[in-house]
Protein backbone atom coordinates (compact mmCIF):
# COMPACT_ATOMS: atom_id res chain seq x y z
CA MET A 1 5.61 128.93 25.39
CA LYS A 2 4.58 130.77 22.03
CA ILE A 3 6.99 132.07 19.75
CA ASN A 4 5.74 134.41 17.20
CA MET A 5 8.29 136.36 15.05
CA GLU A 6 8.87 137.64 11.49
CA THR A 7 11.69 136.04 9.76
CA LYS A 8 13.50 137.56 7.00
CA PHE A 9 13.17 134.18 4.68
CA ASP A 10 10.75 131.66 4.36
CA ILE A 11 11.00 127.77 4.30
CA GLY A 12 11.14 126.83 0.33
CA GLN A 13 12.75 130.29 -0.57
CA GLU A 14 15.71 130.26 -2.71
CA VAL A 15 18.49 132.49 -1.29
CA PHE A 16 22.19 133.35 -2.18
CA VAL A 17 24.88 132.72 -0.01
CA ILE A 18 28.17 134.57 1.04
CA GLN A 19 30.93 133.61 3.01
CA LYS A 20 34.60 134.40 3.41
CA ALA A 21 36.80 132.01 1.42
CA ARG A 22 40.10 132.11 -0.40
CA ALA A 23 39.88 134.26 -3.48
CA LYS A 24 40.73 133.03 -6.72
CA GLU A 25 43.51 134.63 -8.63
CA PRO A 26 44.96 134.25 -12.26
CA CYS A 27 47.71 131.97 -12.46
CA ALA A 28 51.14 133.45 -12.80
CA ALA A 29 52.54 130.38 -14.67
CA CYS A 30 50.22 130.59 -17.64
CA ASN A 31 49.20 134.32 -17.17
CA GLY A 32 45.38 133.05 -16.51
CA GLN A 33 45.06 131.34 -19.90
CA GLY A 34 45.12 127.69 -18.61
CA HIS A 35 47.65 126.84 -21.13
CA ILE A 36 51.31 127.20 -22.14
CA LYS A 37 52.49 127.39 -25.62
CA ILE A 38 55.84 125.76 -25.99
CA ASP A 39 57.66 125.43 -29.55
CA GLY A 40 54.12 126.29 -31.00
CA ASN A 41 52.14 123.46 -29.19
CA ASP A 42 49.65 124.44 -26.41
CA PHE A 43 49.86 122.27 -23.20
CA SER A 44 47.38 122.22 -20.19
CA CYS A 45 49.34 124.42 -17.32
CA THR A 46 50.56 122.00 -14.87
CA SER A 47 50.09 124.78 -12.08
CA CYS A 48 46.62 125.45 -12.36
CA TYR A 49 45.48 122.25 -14.42
CA GLY A 50 44.11 124.32 -17.27
CA THR A 51 41.66 126.41 -15.07
CA GLY A 52 43.68 129.67 -15.38
CA ARG A 53 43.09 130.48 -11.85
CA LEU A 54 44.66 129.73 -8.36
CA TYR A 55 43.44 130.02 -4.83
CA GLY A 56 45.32 132.91 -3.05
CA ARG A 57 46.23 133.17 0.47
CA LYS A 58 44.01 136.12 1.06
CA LYS A 59 40.42 135.37 2.13
CA ILE A 60 37.54 137.56 1.07
CA TYR A 61 33.70 137.70 1.05
CA GLN A 62 32.20 136.15 -2.14
CA LEU A 63 28.95 134.76 -3.38
CA VAL A 64 29.31 130.96 -2.79
CA GLY A 65 26.20 129.88 -4.26
CA LYS A 66 22.30 129.72 -4.17
CA ASP A 67 20.24 126.99 -2.21
CA THR A 68 16.82 126.52 -0.85
CA ILE A 69 16.10 126.90 2.76
CA THR A 70 14.46 123.92 4.49
CA SER A 71 14.24 124.68 7.99
CA ILE A 72 14.41 127.64 10.30
CA LYS A 73 15.76 127.25 13.67
CA VAL A 74 15.20 129.99 16.48
CA PHE A 75 17.54 130.23 19.46
CA ASN A 76 17.16 132.48 22.68
CA TYR A 77 20.02 133.19 24.78
CA LEU A 78 20.65 134.87 28.02
CA LEU A 79 23.81 136.77 27.85
CA ASN A 80 25.58 138.00 31.17
CA ALA A 81 25.78 141.64 30.11
CA GLY A 82 27.77 142.19 33.06
CA GLY A 83 26.31 143.07 36.87
CA HIS A 84 23.28 141.56 37.72
CA HIS A 85 21.89 142.31 34.06
CA ASP A 86 21.04 139.37 31.75
CA GLU A 87 20.53 140.33 28.25
CA LEU A 88 18.12 138.18 25.98
CA LYS A 89 19.52 137.43 22.38
CA THR A 90 17.51 135.62 19.79
CA VAL A 91 19.22 134.10 16.78
CA VAL A 92 17.65 132.74 13.84
CA LYS A 93 19.34 130.11 11.70
CA TYR A 94 18.07 129.01 8.23
CA ALA A 95 19.24 125.25 7.35
CA PHE A 96 19.76 123.72 3.89
CA LYS A 97 19.40 120.23 2.78
CA ASN A 98 23.31 119.64 3.04
CA GLY A 99 23.28 120.27 6.62
CA THR A 100 24.70 123.67 6.69
CA ASP A 101 22.78 126.77 8.35
CA TYR A 102 23.36 130.46 8.31
CA THR A 103 22.20 133.49 9.99
CA ASP A 104 20.66 136.08 7.75
CA GLN A 105 23.78 138.19 7.65
CA LYS A 106 25.09 135.69 4.93
CA LEU A 107 21.75 135.10 3.09
CA PHE A 108 20.25 137.46 0.33
CA ALA A 109 17.26 137.41 -1.74
CA THR A 110 18.92 138.43 -4.96
CA GLN A 111 22.57 137.94 -6.60
CA GLU A 112 22.89 141.50 -6.78
CA GLU A 113 22.42 142.11 -3.13
CA ALA A 114 24.75 139.19 -2.28
CA GLU A 115 27.41 140.60 -4.27
CA THR A 116 27.09 144.28 -3.20
CA ARG A 117 27.43 143.04 0.43
CA CYS A 118 30.37 141.22 -0.54
CA SER A 119 32.08 144.54 -1.89
CA GLU A 120 31.15 146.33 1.25
CA LEU A 121 32.55 143.67 3.62
CA ASN A 122 35.84 143.76 1.62
CA LYS A 123 36.34 147.22 1.23
CA GLU A 124 35.59 147.30 5.06
CA ALA A 125 38.51 144.68 5.63
CA GLN A 126 40.87 146.45 3.39
CA ASN A 127 40.27 149.78 4.99
CA GLU A 128 41.16 148.09 8.59
CA HIS A 129 44.34 146.51 7.26
CA LYS A 130 45.61 149.90 6.27
CA ASN A 131 45.10 151.62 9.41
């Protein structure tokens, strides 16, 4: 069998990765400052350990980093579309040195593209919750 297909990214290419994760929010105990003033002395906030941020309960799409593609895997599936018809589905996964792999929906060539897509996905999710 010969598979010849165009992929969105190449092996060795650096890409920006997005995924859904808990959002960091300003710490309420120190108002996002990372420290608390008591009797004129600054103390590291014990709630956020001096970072000024805490992870919230809500998950949002966000840029989680930049990585280099180490391999590309192509998967072909036959999906039962109902009745007597099977549908061929091809999925391309891009793998990284740490063992993770992602489809191209979570990978972007530039940081700007990744951040724009996160904003779009978060707005869609927000609109779904309003309905």
